[in-house]
Each structure stands twice: as structure tokens, then as C-alpha cells.
């Protein structure tokens, strides 16, 4: 009976202060997740909110759940465990590495949750603001201070015939030309004059957002020469729907 009363007692580790820490964590980690969701990254709002809230809960358990035990022991294991989630978000294909920024964001969200649960709310808010400064502000600052080093995103729109297995060749051509694929969008189109019963004339539109300092004209010329490619068009950074950099 005593165990049941302690379980639901609204004091100590189950009082207003720990709950306020969890609420602050949920807000801050959700803000980070919304930014990643807006960029259509592999880990979005739900992942970041869960990572932040889970990290804060672990710290609260280590502070209030084990009496006089060392709370740093559980907190240290969070840092090690979050590496498995971050490692699963990193993909390597030839010389292109994707997901590093997303993995680092997961790591930061974990730290924000731990800071909130440890009573370091001001530090957690400052680090969240720093995240937005780094993700949104640093690319623009780099383009202004060192335009030769900044890889401005370029969008290439392709219209190709379905059935030629073109997608792997397109991705290989982009990597070989020195471009990193940041984002992809596809939609099916109707051929202008499709012959009846000929599936090879079904068209697909592929929009690739690329980053790289190579000559985009060399890539578009190579893509236009592939069998099945109907058209290749290039859009500059100003016509892109939003910031996509970072992975």
C-alpha cells in the first residue's frame, strides 16, 4: 500500500518543477523538429520531440528515482545511447555523405533535453537559439563572406520516360560530376501524344536539388544525352522553394 501511495504522490520528482522541465523540453525539441520537418529531413518533428523528452525523462529518473545514487551515471549513458540513433541517420554513398547534420541535430536535441531536466533552462534556450543561428544564418553568412567556398543549391528538373531504368544512371552522373544530392521530388506526367497501349511513353518529372562547385552545364549536357530523357531544365537558388542544405 505504501508503494502505491508513493507512486502517485505529487511531490519531489513528480512535482511542478520536474513537470515544468519536461514541458520546456517538449517545446524546445519540437521547435528544432519543426525546422527539420520543414526541410523534409529524414528525422523530423516527432523524432526530435521524442529524443528531447526521453532524454529529459532519463535525467529526471536519475535525479529523483534512485535516492542517494549518482545521477551522472544515467546521464552519461544517454550520451552513449544517442549515438546509435545518430549513426543510423548517416548514409555514405561513394564520396557523398548524407545525414551528418541531422545526426548532429539529434545529438543537440538530446543535450537540450538533459539541460532542461538538470535545471539549466536558460542554457537550453540559448542552445536552441544557437541551433537556428547555425542552420539558418551560417549558410547565408558563408555565401556573403566566402562565396567561393559556399556551395549554392541548384535545382535540376528532368522529364524522362518510364521504363528505361534512368534513375540510377542520373544519380551516378550527379555524383561523378561532383554534385551532392540534397533533395529529390518526383511526379508523374502525361505524355503530350501518348500512343495507345505503349507504357514506355509514360513520363516522370524528377526535380533534384544539388550542391556542388562544379559546372552545372557539364552535368546537364551529360543528362540530356541519356536515352529516355525528354528535357533538362536548371533553376537557380532564387527559384527554390526554401533552404534545403545540411542533410
Foldseek 3Di string as FASTA:
>chain_A
DVVVCVVPPQDDLNHDLLVVLLVLLLVLQQVLQCVCVVLVAPGHRVNSSCLLNVLLVQLSCLVGVPPPDDSVVSNVVSLVVLVVVLVVQWDDDPPDIPRNQVSVSSNLSSVLSNCSSVVNPVVSVVVSVVVCCVVPPVLVVCCVPPVLPRFFKKKKKWKFFPDPPCVVVLVVLCVVQFKYWQDKDKDWDDAPDDDPPDSRRTMMMMMTIITGDGDVVVSLVVSVPDPGIDDMDMDGNVPDPDDRDDD
